[in-house]
Amino acid sequence: LVLVGPSGSGKSTALRMLAGLEEVDSGSIYIAD
């Protein structure tokens, strides 16, 4: 899956949230349930 968008669209932040390098202020992220 590719996350694409212009600068400032949030794509790198979304990736870093999945990696644990950015906090998740609300909501959740799951890997293998």
ModelCIF file with pLDDT and N, C-alpha, C, O atoms, coordinates in Angstrom:
data_MODEL
#
_entry.id   MODEL 
#
_entity.id                         1 
_entity.type                       polymer 
_entity.pdbx_number_of_molecules   1 
#
_entity_poly.entity_id                      1 
_entity_poly.type                           'polypeptide(L)' 
_entity_poly.nstd_linkage                   no 
_entity_poly.nstd_monomer                   no 
_entity_poly.pdbx_seq_one_letter_code       LVLVGPSGSGKSTALRMLAGLEEVDSGSIYIAD 
_entity_poly.pdbx_seq_one_letter_code_can   LVLVGPSGSGKSTALRMLAGLEEVDSGSIYIAD 
_entity_poly.pdbx_strand_id                 A 
#
loop_
_entity_poly_seq.entity_id 
_entity_poly_seq.num 
_entity_poly_seq.mon_id 
_entity_poly_seq.hetero 
1 1  LEU n 
1 2  VAL n 
1 3  LEU n 
1 4  VAL n 
1 5  GLY n 
1 6  PRO n 
1 7  SER n 
1 8  GLY n 
1 9  SER n 
1 10 GLY n 
1 11 LYS n 
1 12 SER n 
1 13 THR n 
1 14 ALA n 
1 15 LEU n 
1 16 ARG n 
1 17 MET n 
1 18 LEU n 
1 19 ALA n 
1 20 GLY n 
1 21 LEU n 
1 22 GLU n 
1 23 GLU n 
1 24 VAL n 
1 25 ASP n 
1 26 SER n 
1 27 GLY n 
1 28 SER n 
1 29 ILE n 
1 30 TYR n 
1 31 ILE n 
1 32 ALA n 
1 33 ASP n 
#
_struct_asym.id          A 
_struct_asym.entity_id   1 
#
loop_
_ma_qa_metric.id 
_ma_qa_metric.mode 
_ma_qa_metric.name 
_ma_qa_metric.software_group_id 
_ma_qa_metric.type 
1 global pLDDT . pLDDT 
2 local  pLDDT . pLDDT 
#
_ma_qa_metric_global.metric_id      1 
_ma_qa_metric_global.metric_value   95.94 
_ma_qa_metric_global.model_id       1 
_ma_qa_metric_global.ordinal_id     1 
#
loop_
_ma_qa_metric_local.label_asym_id 
_ma_qa_metric_local.label_comp_id 
_ma_qa_metric_local.label_seq_id 
_ma_qa_metric_local.metric_id 
_ma_qa_metric_local.metric_value 
_ma_qa_metric_local.model_id 
_ma_qa_metric_local.ordinal_id 
A LEU 1  2 97.00 1 1  
A VAL 2  2 97.00 1 2  
A LEU 3  2 97.00 1 3  
A VAL 4  2 96.00 1 4  
A GLY 5  2 95.00 1 5  
A PRO 6  2 93.00 1 6  
A SER 7  2 92.00 1 7  
A GLY 8  2 93.00 1 8  
A SER 9  2 95.00 1 9  
A GLY 10 2 96.00 1 10 
A LYS 11 2 96.00 1 11 
A SER 12 2 95.00 1 12 
A THR 13 2 97.00 1 13 
A ALA 14 2 97.00 1 14 
A LEU 15 2 97.00 1 15 
A ARG 16 2 96.00 1 16 
A MET 17 2 97.00 1 17 
A LEU 18 2 97.00 1 18 
A ALA 19 2 96.00 1 19 
A GLY 20 2 96.00 1 20 
A LEU 21 2 95.00 1 21 
A GLU 22 2 96.00 1 22 
A GLU 23 2 96.00 1 23 
A VAL 24 2 97.00 1 24 
A ASP 25 2 97.00 1 25 
A SER 26 2 97.00 1 26 
A GLY 27 2 97.00 1 27 
A SER 28 2 97.00 1 28 
A ILE 29 2 98.00 1 29 
A TYR 30 2 97.00 1 30 
A ILE 31 2 97.00 1 31 
A ALA 32 2 95.00 1 32 
A ASP 33 2 92.00 1 33 
#
loop_
_atom_site.group_PDB 
_atom_site.id 
_atom_site.type_symbol 
_atom_site.label_atom_id 
_atom_site.label_alt_id 
_atom_site.label_comp_id 
_atom_site.label_asym_id 
_atom_site.label_entity_id 
_atom_site.label_seq_id 
_atom_site.pdbx_PDB_ins_code 
_atom_site.Cartn_x 
_atom_site.Cartn_y 
_atom_site.Cartn_z 
_atom_site.occupancy 
_atom_site.B_iso_or_equiv 
_atom_site.pdbx_formal_charge 
_atom_site.auth_seq_id 
_atom_site.auth_comp_id 
_atom_site.auth_asym_id 
_atom_site.auth_atom_id 
_atom_site.pdbx_PDB_model_num 
ATOM 1   N N  . LEU A 1 1  ? 0.841  -1.194 0.000  1.00 97.00 ? 1  LEU A N  1 
ATOM 2   C CA . LEU A 1 1  ? 0.000  0.000  0.000  1.00 97.00 ? 1  LEU A CA 1 
ATOM 3   C C  . LEU A 1 1  ? 0.875  1.242  0.000  1.00 97.00 ? 1  LEU A C  1 
ATOM 4   O O  . LEU A 1 1  ? 1.824  1.350  0.777  1.00 97.00 ? 1  LEU A O  1 
ATOM 5   N N  . VAL A 1 2  ? 0.545  2.178  -0.882 1.00 97.00 ? 2  VAL A N  1 
ATOM 6   C CA . VAL A 1 2  ? 1.303  3.420  -0.987 1.00 97.00 ? 2  VAL A CA 1 
ATOM 7   C C  . VAL A 1 2  ? 0.488  4.568  -0.419 1.00 97.00 ? 2  VAL A C  1 
ATOM 8   O O  . VAL A 1 2  ? -0.672 4.759  -0.784 1.00 97.00 ? 2  VAL A O  1 
ATOM 9   N N  . LEU A 1 3  ? 1.107  5.339  0.486  1.00 97.00 ? 3  LEU A N  1 
ATOM 10  C CA . LEU A 1 3  ? 0.522  6.583  0.985  1.00 97.00 ? 3  LEU A CA 1 
ATOM 11  C C  . LEU A 1 3  ? 1.112  7.722  0.166  1.00 97.00 ? 3  LEU A C  1 
ATOM 12  O O  . LEU A 1 3  ? 2.329  7.903  0.135  1.00 97.00 ? 3  LEU A O  1 
ATOM 13  N N  . VAL A 1 4  ? 0.254  8.491  -0.495 1.00 96.00 ? 4  VAL A N  1 
ATOM 14  C CA . VAL A 1 4  ? 0.740  9.546  -1.373 1.00 96.00 ? 4  VAL A CA 1 
ATOM 15  C C  . VAL A 1 4  ? -0.022 10.833 -1.102 1.00 96.00 ? 4  VAL A C  1 
ATOM 16  O O  . VAL A 1 4  ? -1.180 10.810 -0.686 1.00 96.00 ? 4  VAL A O  1 
ATOM 17  N N  . GLY A 1 5  ? 0.638  11.942 -1.341 1.00 95.00 ? 5  GLY A N  1 
ATOM 18  C CA . GLY A 1 5  ? 0.009  13.239 -1.159 1.00 95.00 ? 5  GLY A CA 1 
ATOM 19  C C  . GLY A 1 5  ? 1.060  14.320 -1.226 1.00 95.00 ? 5  GLY A C  1 
ATOM 20  O O  . GLY A 1 5  ? 2.253  14.017 -1.208 1.00 95.00 ? 5  GLY A O  1 
ATOM 21  N N  . PRO A 1 6  ? 0.648  15.587 -1.304 1.00 93.00 ? 6  PRO A N  1 
ATOM 22  C CA . PRO A 1 6  ? 1.617  16.685 -1.348 1.00 93.00 ? 6  PRO A CA 1 
ATOM 23  C C  . PRO A 1 6  ? 2.301  16.866 -0.001 1.00 93.00 ? 6  PRO A C  1 
ATOM 24  O O  . PRO A 1 6  ? 1.939  16.216 0.979  1.00 93.00 ? 6  PRO A O  1 
ATOM 25  N N  . SER A 1 7  ? 3.290  17.751 0.043  1.00 92.00 ? 7  SER A N  1 
ATOM 26  C CA . SER A 1 7  ? 3.961  18.057 1.313  1.00 92.00 ? 7  SER A CA 1 
ATOM 27  C C  . SER A 1 7  ? 2.943  18.567 2.321  1.00 92.00 ? 7  SER A C  1 
ATOM 28  O O  . SER A 1 7  ? 2.101  19.404 1.996  1.00 92.00 ? 7  SER A O  1 
ATOM 29  N N  . GLY A 1 8  ? 3.024  18.055 3.553  1.00 93.00 ? 8  GLY A N  1 
ATOM 30  C CA . GLY A 1 8  ? 2.101  18.476 4.593  1.00 93.00 ? 8  GLY A CA 1 
ATOM 31  C C  . GLY A 1 8  ? 0.783  17.735 4.598  1.00 93.00 ? 8  GLY A C  1 
ATOM 32  O O  . GLY A 1 8  ? -0.134 18.107 5.330  1.00 93.00 ? 8  GLY A O  1 
ATOM 33  N N  . SER A 1 9  ? 0.672  16.686 3.787  1.00 95.00 ? 9  SER A N  1 
ATOM 34  C CA . SER A 1 9  ? -0.595 15.959 3.708  1.00 95.00 ? 9  SER A CA 1 
ATOM 35  C C  . SER A 1 9  ? -0.787 14.984 4.864  1.00 95.00 ? 9  SER A C  1 
ATOM 36  O O  . SER A 1 9  ? -1.907 14.541 5.117  1.00 95.00 ? 9  SER A O  1 
ATOM 37  N N  . GLY A 1 10 ? 0.300  14.642 5.575  1.00 96.00 ? 10 GLY A N  1 
ATOM 38  C CA . GLY A 1 10 ? 0.197  13.731 6.710  1.00 96.00 ? 10 GLY A CA 1 
ATOM 39  C C  . GLY A 1 10 ? 0.671  12.324 6.429  1.00 96.00 ? 10 GLY A C  1 
ATOM 40  O O  . GLY A 1 10 ? 0.576  11.457 7.299  1.00 96.00 ? 10 GLY A O  1 
ATOM 41  N N  . LYS A 1 11 ? 1.180  12.075 5.232  1.00 96.00 ? 11 LYS A N  1 
ATOM 42  C CA . LYS A 1 11 ? 1.551  10.699 4.869  1.00 96.00 ? 11 LYS A CA 1 
ATOM 43  C C  . LYS A 1 11 ? 2.726  10.175 5.699  1.00 96.00 ? 11 LYS A C  1 
ATOM 44  O O  . LYS A 1 11 ? 2.684  9.042  6.178  1.00 96.00 ? 11 LYS A O  1 
ATOM 45  N N  . SER A 1 12 ? 3.774  10.988 5.872  1.00 95.00 ? 12 SER A N  1 
ATOM 46  C CA . SER A 1 12 ? 4.921  10.530 6.675  1.00 95.00 ? 12 SER A CA 1 
ATOM 47  C C  . SER A 1 12 ? 4.548  10.414 8.150  1.00 95.00 ? 12 SER A C  1 
ATOM 48  O O  . SER A 1 12 ? 5.024  9.517  8.845  1.00 95.00 ? 12 SER A O  1 
ATOM 49  N N  . THR A 1 13 ? 3.695  11.322 8.626  1.00 97.00 ? 13 THR A N  1 
ATOM 50  C CA . THR A 1 13 ? 3.243  11.237 10.015 1.00 97.00 ? 13 THR A CA 1 
ATOM 51  C C  . THR A 1 13 ? 2.470  9.941  10.242 1.00 97.00 ? 13 THR A C  1 
ATOM 52  O O  . THR A 1 13 ? 2.650  9.278  11.263 1.00 97.00 ? 13 THR A O  1 
ATOM 53  N N  . ALA A 1 14 ? 1.599  9.577  9.279  1.00 97.00 ? 14 ALA A N  1 
ATOM 54  C CA . ALA A 1 14 ? 0.837  8.327  9.393  1.00 97.00 ? 14 ALA A CA 1 
ATOM 55  C C  . ALA A 1 14 ? 1.770  7.124  9.462  1.00 97.00 ? 14 ALA A C  1 
ATOM 56  O O  . ALA A 1 14 ? 1.529  6.191  10.228 1.00 97.00 ? 14 ALA A O  1 
ATOM 57  N N  . LEU A 1 15 ? 2.838  7.145  8.661  1.00 97.00 ? 15 LEU A N  1 
ATOM 58  C CA . LEU A 1 15 ? 3.809  6.047  8.672  1.00 97.00 ? 15 LEU A CA 1 
ATOM 59  C C  . LEU A 1 15 ? 4.547  5.992  10.004 1.00 97.00 ? 15 LEU A C  1 
ATOM 60  O O  . LEU A 1 15 ? 4.756  4.915  10.563 1.00 97.00 ? 15 LEU A O  1 
ATOM 61  N N  . ARG A 1 16 ? 4.937  7.151  10.505 1.00 96.00 ? 16 ARG A N  1 
ATOM 62  C CA . ARG A 1 16 ? 5.680  7.213  11.766 1.00 96.00 ? 16 ARG A CA 1 
ATOM 63  C C  . ARG A 1 16 ? 4.795  6.820  12.948 1.00 96.00 ? 16 ARG A C  1 
ATOM 64  O O  . ARG A 1 16 ? 5.294  6.278  13.934 1.00 96.00 ? 16 ARG A O  1 
ATOM 65  N N  . MET A 1 17 ? 3.495  7.082  12.863 1.00 97.00 ? 17 MET A N  1 
ATOM 66  C CA . MET A 1 17 ? 2.564  6.605  13.891 1.00 97.00 ? 17 MET A CA 1 
ATOM 67  C C  . MET A 1 17 ? 2.542  5.079  13.912 1.00 97.00 ? 17 MET A C  1 
ATOM 68  O O  . MET A 1 17 ? 2.522  4.466  14.980 1.00 97.00 ? 17 MET A O  1 
ATOM 69  N N  . LEU A 1 18 ? 2.548  4.478  12.738 1.00 97.00 ? 18 LEU A N  1 
ATOM 70  C CA . LEU A 1 18 ? 2.561  3.016  12.646 1.00 97.00 ? 18 LEU A CA 1 
ATOM 71  C C  . LEU A 1 18 ? 3.867  2.443  13.187 1.00 97.00 ? 18 LEU A C  1 
ATOM 72  O O  . LEU A 1 18 ? 3.886  1.372  13.793 1.00 97.00 ? 18 LEU A O  1 
ATOM 73  N N  . ALA A 1 19 ? 4.957  3.173  12.958 1.00 96.00 ? 19 ALA A N  1 
ATOM 74  C CA . ALA A 1 19 ? 6.270  2.718  13.441 1.00 96.00 ? 19 ALA A CA 1 
ATOM 75  C C  . ALA A 1 19 ? 6.449  2.935  14.942 1.00 96.00 ? 19 ALA A C  1 
ATOM 76  O O  . ALA A 1 19 ? 7.340  2.343  15.551 1.00 96.00 ? 19 ALA A O  1 
ATOM 77  N N  . GLY A 1 20 ? 5.596  3.790  15.548 1.00 96.00 ? 20 GLY A N  1 
ATOM 78  C CA . GLY A 1 20 ? 5.755  4.104  16.963 1.00 96.00 ? 20 GLY A CA 1 
ATOM 79  C C  . GLY A 1 20 ? 6.656  5.292  17.203 1.00 96.00 ? 20 GLY A C  1 
ATOM 80  O O  . GLY A 1 20 ? 7.035  5.567  18.342 1.00 96.00 ? 20 GLY A O  1 
ATOM 81  N N  . LEU A 1 21 ? 7.008  6.008  16.128 1.00 95.00 ? 21 LEU A N  1 
ATOM 82  C CA . LEU A 1 21 ? 7.888  7.171  16.249 1.00 95.00 ? 21 LEU A CA 1 
ATOM 83  C C  . LEU A 1 21 ? 7.106  8.455  16.486 1.00 95.00 ? 21 LEU A C  1 
ATOM 84  O O  . LEU A 1 21 ? 7.691  9.485  16.819 1.00 95.00 ? 21 LEU A O  1 
ATOM 85  N N  . GLU A 1 22 ? 5.789  8.402  16.317 1.00 96.00 ? 22 GLU A N  1 
ATOM 86  C CA . GLU A 1 22 ? 4.914  9.525  16.643 1.00 96.00 ? 22 GLU A CA 1 
ATOM 87  C C  . GLU A 1 22 ? 3.791  9.011  17.543 1.00 96.00 ? 22 GLU A C  1 
ATOM 88  O O  . GLU A 1 22 ? 3.317  7.887  17.378 1.00 96.00 ? 22 GLU A O  1 
ATOM 89  N N  . GLU A 1 23 ? 3.374  9.840  18.492 1.00 96.00 ? 23 GLU A N  1 
ATOM 90  C CA . GLU A 1 23 ? 2.280  9.461  19.374 1.00 96.00 ? 23 GLU A CA 1 
ATOM 91  C C  . GLU A 1 23 ? 0.958  9.439  18.612 1.00 96.00 ? 23 GLU A C  1 
ATOM 92  O O  . GLU A 1 23 ? 0.789  10.142 17.616 1.00 96.00 ? 23 GLU A O  1 
ATOM 93  N N  . VAL A 1 24 ? 0.029  8.626  19.094 1.00 97.00 ? 24 VAL A N  1 
ATOM 94  C CA . VAL A 1 24 ? -1.344 8.610  18.585 1.00 97.00 ? 24 VAL A CA 1 
ATOM 95  C C  . VAL A 1 24 ? -2.201 9.310  19.633 1.00 97.00 ? 24 VAL A C  1 
ATOM 96  O O  . VAL A 1 24 ? -2.394 8.790  20.732 1.00 97.00 ? 24 VAL A O  1 
ATOM 97  N N  . ASP A 1 25 ? -2.715 10.492 19.292 1.00 97.00 ? 25 ASP A N  1 
ATOM 98  C CA . ASP A 1 25 ? -3.459 11.292 20.271 1.00 97.00 ? 25 ASP A CA 1 
ATOM 99  C C  . ASP A 1 25 ? -4.851 10.730 20.529 1.00 97.00 ? 25 ASP A C  1 
ATOM 100 O O  . ASP A 1 25 ? -5.372 10.847 21.638 1.00 97.00 ? 25 ASP A O  1 
ATOM 101 N N  . SER A 1 26 ? -5.449 10.128 19.522 1.00 97.00 ? 26 SER A N  1 
ATOM 102 C CA . SER A 1 26 ? -6.728 9.427  19.704 1.00 97.00 ? 26 SER A CA 1 
ATOM 103 C C  . SER A 1 26 ? -6.844 8.371  18.619 1.00 97.00 ? 26 SER A C  1 
ATOM 104 O O  . SER A 1 26 ? -6.157 8.430  17.600 1.00 97.00 ? 26 SER A O  1 
ATOM 105 N N  . GLY A 1 27 ? -7.728 7.400  18.851 1.00 97.00 ? 27 GLY A N  1 
ATOM 106 C CA . GLY A 1 27 ? -7.830 6.279  17.924 1.00 97.00 ? 27 GLY A CA 1 
ATOM 107 C C  . GLY A 1 27 ? -6.788 5.212  18.243 1.00 97.00 ? 27 GLY A C  1 
ATOM 108 O O  . GLY A 1 27 ? -6.101 5.280  19.263 1.00 97.00 ? 27 GLY A O  1 
ATOM 109 N N  . SER A 1 28 ? -6.683 4.228  17.355 1.00 97.00 ? 28 SER A N  1 
ATOM 110 C CA . SER A 1 28 ? -5.797 3.083  17.609 1.00 97.00 ? 28 SER A CA 1 
ATOM 111 C C  . SER A 1 28 ? -5.138 2.616  16.319 1.00 97.00 ? 28 SER A C  1 
ATOM 112 O O  . SER A 1 28 ? -5.593 2.926  15.218 1.00 97.00 ? 28 SER A O  1 
ATOM 113 N N  . ILE A 1 29 ? -4.049 1.858  16.483 1.00 98.00 ? 29 ILE A N  1 
ATOM 114 C CA . ILE A 1 29 ? -3.360 1.219  15.354 1.00 98.00 ? 29 ILE A CA 1 
ATOM 115 C C  . ILE A 1 29 ? -3.138 -0.249 15.710 1.00 98.00 ? 29 ILE A C  1 
ATOM 116 O O  . ILE A 1 29 ? -2.705 -0.571 16.816 1.00 98.00 ? 29 ILE A O  1 
ATOM 117 N N  . TYR A 1 30 ? -3.438 -1.125 14.768 1.00 97.00 ? 30 TYR A N  1 
ATOM 118 C CA . TYR A 1 30 ? -3.318 -2.563 14.982 1.00 97.00 ? 30 TYR A CA 1 
ATOM 119 C C  . TYR A 1 30 ? -2.378 -3.174 13.952 1.00 97.00 ? 30 TYR A C  1 
ATOM 120 O O  . TYR A 1 30 ? -2.411 -2.817 12.774 1.00 97.00 ? 30 TYR A O  1 
ATOM 121 N N  . ILE A 1 31 ? -1.543 -4.098 14.409 1.00 97.00 ? 31 ILE A N  1 
ATOM 122 C CA . ILE A 1 31 ? -0.731 -4.938 13.528 1.00 97.00 ? 31 ILE A CA 1 
ATOM 123 C C  . ILE A 1 31 ? -1.081 -6.381 13.853 1.00 97.00 ? 31 ILE A C  1 
ATOM 124 O O  . ILE A 1 31 ? -0.899 -6.828 14.985 1.00 97.00 ? 31 ILE A O  1 
ATOM 125 N N  . ALA A 1 32 ? -1.579 -7.104 12.870 1.00 95.00 ? 32 ALA A N  1 
ATOM 126 C CA . ALA A 1 32 ? -2.001 -8.497 13.065 1.00 95.00 ? 32 ALA A CA 1 
ATOM 127 C C  . ALA A 1 32 ? -3.005 -8.614 14.211 1.00 95.00 ? 32 ALA A C  1 
ATOM 128 O O  . ALA A 1 32 ? -2.902 -9.502 15.057 1.00 95.00 ? 32 ALA A O  1 
ATOM 129 N N  . ASP A 1 33 ? -3.978 -7.698 14.222 1.00 92.00 ? 33 ASP A N  1 
ATOM 130 C CA . ASP A 1 33 ? -5.048 -7.682 15.229 1.00 92.00 ? 33 ASP A CA 1 
ATOM 131 C C  . ASP A 1 33 ? -4.545 -7.402 16.642 1.00 92.00 ? 33 ASP A C  1 
ATOM 132 O O  . ASP A 1 33 ? -5.337 -7.360 17.583 1.00 92.00 ? 33 ASP A O  1 
#
